[in-house]
Amino acid sequence: MGQFEYLIVLAACVLVTLPLELAGARVYRQPRRLARTVLPVALVFLVWDALAIAGRVWDYAPGRVTGVRAPFAVPLEEVLFFVVIPICGLLTYEAVQLTAALVRRFARKEVRR
């Protein structure tokens, strides 16, 4: 696995949460809203990462990343992390909201009986 480990973990996160979209979370179906939610935060953390790398506060183990770097020396995997993980979080949040709504609806029906 080695240099593809980070990418494999990110892909697994996407695969595990994809059924939530298919179950009705509707995160991917609203691309503008998704971009407005994820991109500003991702940008802040990418700048933070770039500054930390430039200041030699931290870096990434070459054996664990592909070596592809975005501008400002941030590894591709880190750029993807700041997009993929928030999307997975949003999918999970929306799925919990849907489930809670179903539980409330079911509870109301039970109370009426």
C-alpha atoms as a PDB file:
ATOM      1  CA  MET A   1       0.000   0.000   0.000  1.00  0.00           C
ATOM      2  CA  GLY A   2       2.628   2.511   1.109  1.00  0.00           C
ATOM      3  CA  GLN A   3       2.346   5.650  -0.946  1.00  0.00           C
ATOM      4  CA  PHE A   4      -1.308   5.049  -1.817  1.00  0.00           C
ATOM      5  CA  GLU A   5      -2.432   4.456   1.761  1.00  0.00           C
ATOM      6  CA  TYR A   6      -3.794   7.979   2.303  1.00  0.00           C
ATOM      7  CA  LEU A   7      -5.716   7.851  -0.999  1.00  0.00           C
ATOM      8  CA  ILE A   8      -7.108   4.415  -0.157  1.00  0.00           C
ATOM      9  CA  VAL A   9      -8.397   5.663   3.203  1.00  0.00           C
ATOM     10  CA  LEU A  10     -10.051   8.662   1.515  1.00  0.00           C
ATOM     11  CA  ALA A  11     -11.624   6.397  -1.116  1.00  0.00           C
ATOM     12  CA  ALA A  12     -12.906   4.108   1.643  1.00  0.00           C
ATOM     13  CA  CYS A  13     -14.502   7.097   3.380  1.00  0.00           C
ATOM     14  CA  VAL A  14     -16.301   8.012   0.160  1.00  0.00           C
ATOM     15  CA  LEU A  15     -17.424   4.416  -0.448  1.00  0.00           C
ATOM     16  CA  VAL A  16     -18.702   3.972   3.107  1.00  0.00           C
ATOM     17  CA  THR A  17     -20.767   7.173   3.022  1.00  0.00           C
ATOM     18  CA  LEU A  18     -21.989   6.911  -0.588  1.00  0.00           C
ATOM     19  CA  PRO A  19     -25.000   4.775   0.374  1.00  0.00           C
ATOM     20  CA  LEU A  20     -26.165   7.665   2.562  1.00  0.00           C
ATOM     21  CA  GLU A  21     -26.541   9.793  -0.570  1.00  0.00           C
ATOM     22  CA  LEU A  22     -28.428   7.011  -2.285  1.00  0.00           C
ATOM     23  CA  ALA A  23     -30.673   6.722   0.797  1.00  0.00           C
ATOM     24  CA  GLY A  24     -31.732  10.351   0.432  1.00  0.00           C
ATOM     25  CA  ALA A  25     -29.115  12.589   2.063  1.00  0.00           C
ATOM     26  CA  ARG A  26     -29.047  14.749  -1.112  1.00  0.00           C
ATOM     27  CA  VAL A  27     -25.599  16.242  -0.522  1.00  0.00           C
ATOM     28  CA  TYR A  28     -24.157  15.556  -3.973  1.00  0.00           C
ATOM     29  CA  ARG A  29     -27.421  16.633  -5.596  1.00  0.00           C
ATOM     30  CA  GLN A  30     -26.857  20.213  -4.410  1.00  0.00           C
ATOM     31  CA  PRO A  31     -23.382  21.006  -5.802  1.00  0.00           C
ATOM     32  CA  ARG A  32     -23.519  24.786  -5.316  1.00  0.00           C
ATOM     33  CA  ARG A  33     -24.594  24.452  -1.705  1.00  0.00           C
ATOM     34  CA  LEU A  34     -21.932  21.791  -1.152  1.00  0.00           C
ATOM     35  CA  ALA A  35     -19.216  24.006  -2.653  1.00  0.00           C
ATOM     36  CA  ARG A  36     -20.301  27.001  -0.553  1.00  0.00           C
ATOM     37  CA  THR A  37     -20.124  24.818   2.538  1.00  0.00           C
ATOM     38  CA  VAL A  38     -16.865  22.956   1.971  1.00  0.00           C
ATOM     39  CA  LEU A  39     -14.584  25.194  -0.086  1.00  0.00           C
ATOM     40  CA  PRO A  40     -14.188  28.200   2.266  1.00  0.00           C
ATOM     41  CA  VAL A  41     -13.183  25.967   5.174  1.00  0.00           C
ATOM     42  CA  ALA A  42     -10.944  23.823   2.958  1.00  0.00           C
ATOM     43  CA  LEU A  43      -9.202  26.961   1.715  1.00  0.00           C
ATOM     44  CA  VAL A  44      -8.458  28.137   5.256  1.00  0.00           C
ATOM     45  CA  PHE A  45      -6.953  24.800   6.233  1.00  0.00           C
ATOM     46  CA  LEU A  46      -4.991  24.510   2.976  1.00  0.00           C
ATOM     47  CA  VAL A  47      -3.422  27.903   3.623  1.00  0.00           C
ATOM     48  CA  TRP A  48      -2.664  26.793   7.173  1.00  0.00           C
ATOM     49  CA  ASP A  49      -1.041  23.602   5.860  1.00  0.00           C
ATOM     50  CA  ALA A  50       0.972  25.496   3.248  1.00  0.00           C
ATOM     51  CA  LEU A  51       2.260  27.924   5.883  1.00  0.00           C
ATOM     52  CA  ALA A  52       3.176  25.087   8.239  1.00  0.00           C
ATOM     53  CA  ILE A  53       5.018  23.239   5.485  1.00  0.00           C
ATOM     54  CA  ALA A  54       6.823  26.396   4.362  1.00  0.00           C
ATOM     55  CA  GLY A  55       7.784  27.131   7.981  1.00  0.00           C
ATOM     56  CA  ARG A  56       8.955  23.538   8.395  1.00  0.00           C
ATOM     57  CA  VAL A  57       6.550  23.011  11.267  1.00  0.00           C
ATOM     58  CA  TRP A  58       5.451  19.753   9.631  1.00  0.00           C
ATOM     59  CA  ASP A  59       5.571  17.767   6.446  1.00  0.00           C
ATOM     60  CA  TYR A  60       4.293  14.430   5.184  1.00  0.00           C
ATOM     61  CA  ALA A  61       6.163  11.136   5.099  1.00  0.00           C
ATOM     62  CA  PRO A  62       7.208  10.602   1.469  1.00  0.00           C
ATOM     63  CA  GLY A  63       6.513   6.868   1.773  1.00  0.00           C
ATOM     64  CA  ARG A  64       2.851   7.553   2.656  1.00  0.00           C
ATOM     65  CA  VAL A  65       1.922  10.015  -0.098  1.00  0.00           C
ATOM     66  CA  THR A  66       2.104   9.794  -3.896  1.00  0.00           C
ATOM     67  CA  GLY A  67       4.489  12.704  -4.214  1.00  0.00           C
ATOM     68  CA  VAL A  68       2.038  14.784  -6.234  1.00  0.00           C
ATOM     69  CA  ARG A  69       1.953  18.228  -4.682  1.00  0.00           C
ATOM     70  CA  ALA A  70      -0.550  21.010  -5.181  1.00  0.00           C
ATOM     71  CA  PRO A  71       0.638  24.614  -5.250  1.00  0.00           C
ATOM     72  CA  PHE A  72       2.520  25.673  -2.133  1.00  0.00           C
ATOM     73  CA  ALA A  73       3.864  22.121  -1.578  1.00  0.00           C
ATOM     74  CA  VAL A  74       0.683  20.693  -0.060  1.00  0.00           C
ATOM     75  CA  PRO A  75       0.348  16.983  -0.945  1.00  0.00           C
ATOM     76  CA  LEU A  76      -2.560  16.059  -3.203  1.00  0.00           C
ATOM     77  CA  GLU A  77      -3.862  13.721  -0.508  1.00  0.00           C
ATOM     78  CA  GLU A  78      -4.122  16.589   1.965  1.00  0.00           C
ATOM     79  CA  VAL A  79      -6.047  18.720  -0.518  1.00  0.00           C
ATOM     80  CA  LEU A  80      -8.445  15.833  -1.058  1.00  0.00           C
ATOM     81  CA  PHE A  81      -8.721  15.292   2.707  1.00  0.00           C
ATOM     82  CA  PHE A  82     -10.081  18.809   3.216  1.00  0.00           C
ATOM     83  CA  VAL A  83     -12.773  18.130   0.614  1.00  0.00           C
ATOM     84  CA  VAL A  84     -13.609  14.446   1.116  1.00  0.00           C
ATOM     85  CA  ILE A  85     -13.880  14.327   4.918  1.00  0.00           C
ATOM     86  CA  PRO A  86     -16.230  17.335   5.236  1.00  0.00           C
ATOM     87  CA  ILE A  87     -18.428  15.869   2.491  1.00  0.00           C
ATOM     88  CA  CYS A  88     -18.544  12.557   4.361  1.00  0.00           C
ATOM     89  CA  GLY A  89     -19.436  14.484   7.510  1.00  0.00           C
ATOM     90  CA  LEU A  90     -22.246  16.296   5.706  1.00  0.00           C
ATOM     91  CA  LEU A  91     -23.579  13.037   4.321  1.00  0.00           C
ATOM     92  CA  THR A  92     -23.598  11.560   7.806  1.00  0.00           C
ATOM     93  CA  TYR A  93     -25.275  14.635   9.293  1.00  0.00           C
ATOM     94  CA  GLU A  94     -27.997  14.657   6.633  1.00  0.00           C
ATOM     95  CA  ALA A  95     -28.595  10.932   7.100  1.00  0.00           C
ATOM     96  CA  VAL A  96     -28.977  11.421  10.857  1.00  0.00           C
ATOM     97  CA  GLN A  97     -31.429  14.268  10.216  1.00  0.00           C
ATOM     98  CA  LEU A  98     -33.469  12.049   7.884  1.00  0.00           C
ATOM     99  CA  THR A  99     -33.464   9.224  10.412  1.00  0.00           C
ATOM    100  CA  ALA A 100     -34.502  11.555  13.232  1.00  0.00           C
ATOM    101  CA  ALA A 101     -37.368  12.890  11.108  1.00  0.00           C
ATOM    102  CA  LEU A 102     -38.547   9.338  10.411  1.00  0.00           C
ATOM    103  CA  VAL A 103     -38.374   8.445  14.100  1.00  0.00           C
ATOM    104  CA  ARG A 104     -40.360  11.578  15.042  1.00  0.00           C
ATOM    105  CA  ARG A 105     -42.982  10.793  12.397  1.00  0.00           C
ATOM    106  CA  PHE A 106     -43.256   7.201  13.591  1.00  0.00           C
ATOM    107  CA  ALA A 107     -43.498   8.355  17.229  1.00  0.00           C
ATOM    108  CA  ARG A 108     -46.322  10.770  16.345  1.00  0.00           C
ATOM    109  CA  LYS A 109     -48.247   7.985  14.641  1.00  0.00           C
ATOM    110  CA  GLU A 110     -47.808   5.755  17.688  1.00  0.00           C
ATOM    111  CA  VAL A 111     -49.057   8.510  20.028  1.00  0.00           C
ATOM    112  CA  ARG A 112     -52.201   8.996  17.927  1.00  0.00           C
ATOM    113  CA  ARG A 113     -53.147   5.311  18.219  1.00  0.00           C
END
